[in-house]
Protein backbone atom coordinates (compact mmCIF):
# COMPACT_ATOMS: atom_id res chain seq x y z
CA MET A 1 -24.22 -4.57 37.36
CA ARG A 2 -22.37 -3.31 40.08
CA LYS A 3 -19.15 -5.01 39.95
CA ILE A 4 -19.39 -3.31 35.57
CA LEU A 5 -20.09 -0.29 37.02
CA ILE A 6 -16.82 -0.59 39.77
CA ALA A 7 -14.65 -1.28 36.98
CA ILE A 8 -16.06 0.94 34.41
CA ILE A 9 -15.79 3.59 36.78
CA ALA A 10 -12.14 2.95 37.37
CA LEU A 11 -11.42 2.26 33.89
CA VAL A 12 -12.47 6.00 33.71
CA ALA A 13 -10.37 7.18 37.16
CA PHE A 14 -6.95 5.37 35.50
CA GLY A 15 -7.76 5.10 31.94
CA SER A 16 -5.47 7.70 31.26
CA ASN A 17 -3.07 7.00 33.29
CA ALA A 18 -2.58 3.36 31.94
CA TYR A 19 -1.06 4.88 28.58
CA ALA A 20 1.79 6.64 29.97
CA GLN A 21 3.12 3.48 30.87
CA VAL A 22 3.30 1.65 27.58
CA THR A 23 6.42 0.94 26.57
CA GLU A 24 7.65 -0.01 23.13
CA PRO A 25 7.49 -3.64 22.48
CA LYS A 26 10.12 -5.80 21.82
CA ASP A 27 8.88 -7.10 18.94
CA THR A 28 8.76 -4.68 15.85
CA PRO A 29 8.86 -6.07 12.86
CA GLN A 30 11.05 -5.60 10.19
CA LEU A 31 10.94 -4.96 7.19
CA GLU A 32 12.31 -7.36 4.18
CA PHE A 33 13.07 -6.42 0.29
CA ALA A 34 11.19 -8.70 -2.02
CA LEU A 35 11.28 -6.87 -5.28
CA GLN A 36 10.19 -3.89 -7.46
CA LEU A 37 7.62 -3.35 -9.92
CA LYS A 38 8.58 -0.67 -12.33
CA VAL A 39 5.03 0.07 -14.30
CA THR A 40 4.36 1.83 -17.91
CA LEU A 41 1.54 3.94 -18.11
CA GLY A 42 -1.87 4.76 -20.21
CA GLU A 43 -3.07 7.75 -20.47
CA THR A 44 -4.96 9.50 -17.07
CA TYR A 45 -7.84 10.00 -17.91
CA SER A 46 -10.89 11.33 -14.88
CA CYS A 47 -14.80 10.51 -14.35
CA GLY A 48 -14.95 14.21 -13.13
CA GLU A 49 -16.16 15.02 -9.87
CA THR A 50 -18.13 12.22 -7.78
CA GLN A 51 -20.00 12.14 -4.49
CA HIS A 52 -16.73 10.74 -3.13
CA GLY A 53 -14.07 12.66 -4.42
CA GLN A 54 -12.87 13.56 -8.24
CA ARG A 55 -11.72 9.77 -9.81
CA ILE A 56 -9.10 9.56 -11.26
CA VAL A 57 -7.98 6.63 -13.72
CA ILE A 58 -5.03 5.67 -14.50
CA PRO A 59 -4.04 2.10 -17.54
CA ILE A 60 -1.25 -0.20 -16.79
CA THR A 61 0.00 -0.66 -19.87
CA GLY A 62 2.74 -3.70 -18.63
CA GLY A 63 6.46 -3.39 -16.59
CA THR A 64 8.63 -5.21 -14.98
CA PHE A 65 9.42 -6.19 -12.26
CA GLU A 66 12.72 -7.91 -10.05
CA GLY A 67 13.43 -8.99 -6.63
CA PRO A 68 15.66 -12.14 -4.45
CA ASN A 69 13.09 -15.35 -5.54
CA ILE A 70 11.35 -13.62 -8.41
CA ARG A 71 10.85 -11.92 -11.34
CA GLY A 72 9.08 -11.02 -14.26
CA THR A 73 6.57 -8.89 -16.47
CA ILE A 74 3.42 -6.83 -16.10
CA VAL A 75 0.19 -7.57 -17.19
CA ASN A 76 -1.34 -4.67 -19.85
CA GLY A 77 -5.35 -4.06 -18.67
CA GLY A 78 -4.84 -3.41 -15.25
CA ALA A 79 -4.93 0.15 -13.45
CA ASP A 80 -4.55 2.40 -10.69
CA TYR A 81 -8.05 3.43 -9.80
CA GLN A 82 -7.79 7.07 -7.71
CA LEU A 83 -9.99 9.15 -5.60
CA ALA A 84 -8.75 12.51 -5.29
CA ASN A 85 -10.00 14.77 -2.39
CA LYS A 86 -8.14 18.41 -3.05
CA ALA A 87 -9.45 19.76 -0.51
CA GLN A 88 -7.41 17.47 2.06
CA LYS A 89 -4.40 17.54 -0.60
CA ARG A 90 -4.99 13.38 0.24
CA THR A 91 -5.58 10.53 -3.11
CA GLU A 92 -7.03 7.16 -2.53
CA LEU A 93 -5.38 5.39 -4.61
CA GLU A 94 -6.58 1.04 -5.59
CA ALA A 95 -4.22 -0.91 -8.19
CA ILE A 96 -5.10 -3.99 -9.64
CA TYR A 97 -3.48 -5.81 -12.08
CA SER A 98 -1.76 -8.93 -12.69
CA ILE A 99 1.92 -10.01 -13.29
CA LYS A 100 3.94 -13.06 -14.76
CA THR A 101 6.51 -14.46 -13.96
CA ASP A 102 9.04 -15.60 -16.20
CA ASP A 103 8.87 -18.68 -15.68
CA GLY A 104 5.34 -17.90 -16.82
CA VAL A 105 3.32 -17.95 -13.44
CA TYR A 106 -0.04 -15.67 -13.48
CA ILE A 107 -0.10 -13.56 -9.56
CA HIS A 108 -3.52 -11.08 -8.95
CA VAL A 109 -2.16 -8.02 -7.30
CA ARG A 110 -4.13 -5.79 -5.55
CA ASN A 111 -2.57 -2.87 -3.89
CA ARG A 112 -4.22 0.22 -1.92
CA GLY A 113 -2.70 3.16 -0.73
CA ILE A 114 -2.27 6.40 0.17
CA ILE A 115 -0.60 9.98 -1.11
CA TYR A 116 -1.52 13.11 0.67
CA ASP A 117 0.10 16.20 0.09
CA GLY A 118 -0.32 18.24 3.75
CA LYS A 119 1.78 18.98 6.89
CA ASP A 120 3.05 15.92 9.59
CA VAL A 121 1.88 16.29 13.18
CA ASN A 122 4.58 19.50 13.76
CA GLY A 123 2.56 21.30 10.91
CA ASN A 124 5.51 21.19 8.55
CA PRO A 125 5.46 20.52 4.30
CA SER A 126 4.98 15.91 4.66
CA PHE A 127 4.81 14.70 1.19
CA TYR A 128 3.23 10.95 1.98
CA PHE A 129 2.96 8.02 -0.19
CA LYS A 130 2.33 4.44 0.58
CA ALA A 131 0.38 1.82 0.32
CA ALA A 132 -0.08 -2.33 1.00
CA PRO A 133 -0.03 -4.80 -1.87
CA GLN A 134 -1.83 -8.16 -1.74
CA PHE A 135 -0.51 -10.24 -3.76
CA GLU A 136 -2.73 -13.88 -5.38
CA ALA A 137 -0.12 -16.33 -6.11
CA PRO A 138 -1.19 -19.95 -6.68
CA ALA A 139 -1.35 -21.83 -3.94
CA ASP A 140 1.19 -24.68 -5.61
CA SER A 141 3.14 -22.46 -6.67
CA ARG A 142 7.25 -21.45 -5.51
CA TYR A 143 5.53 -18.22 -5.11
CA ALA A 144 3.09 -19.24 -2.78
CA TRP A 145 5.05 -16.84 -0.25
CA LEU A 146 3.63 -14.22 -1.62
CA ASN A 147 0.08 -15.30 -0.25
CA ASN A 148 1.11 -15.71 3.34
CA ALA A 149 2.84 -12.38 3.72
CA LEU A 150 1.95 -8.26 4.23
CA PHE A 151 3.47 -6.28 2.26
CA VAL A 152 4.06 -2.68 2.07
CA CYS A 153 5.36 -0.28 -1.27
CA ALA A 154 6.97 2.95 -1.96
CA PRO A 155 7.70 4.58 -4.71
CA ASP A 156 11.66 5.54 -6.38
CA PHE A 157 11.22 8.63 -7.19
CA THR A 158 15.03 8.82 -7.63
CA GLN A 159 15.46 6.68 -10.91
CA GLN A 160 14.84 7.94 -14.82
CA PHE A 161 11.48 6.24 -15.96
CA GLN A 162 8.01 6.74 -18.19
CA GLY A 163 6.00 5.21 -15.44
CA ILE A 164 6.18 4.46 -11.79
CA VAL A 165 8.70 3.24 -9.85
CA LEU A 166 7.15 1.29 -6.56
CA ASN A 167 9.58 -0.92 -4.23
CA VAL A 168 8.53 -3.40 -2.27
CA TRP A 169 8.87 -4.70 1.12
CA ARG A 170 7.91 -7.61 2.66
CA VAL A 171 6.80 -6.77 7.10
CA LYS A 172 8.83 -9.87 9.38
């Protein structure tokens, strides 16, 4: 018991110095472009203000996607379920839908993310919109690589498109 107490005291006394000695790791993850989704959207509706915030639903009606190793269409019938907190200028999103490759393989997608329109750590105006899609491809398909990696995505507002364009990168 006494050894545990001494260890706790040492951590409290010297813990703050340990943080000052941390250096950036040399194996920082890299990003590799995986695909771009051009998603068409239906009419947005709201379930109103709930106990968690304002629930907004944006139907996903279709679209296309393409990357170096994959291409196809977005299946009609999914939706982007958003939870908006106006006071915090923050929205959580969870889009659930399926895509179909040009060779007929269906892949389930669940994309969770954050939209924040507030201030950065220095107090400057800042807009943040990032998400992390997870893919469920058939394990015996040529798209199984989607099951075994983490992905991040961000919107591309530079393109003229009736919907939303998302660029997706694989974390290496």
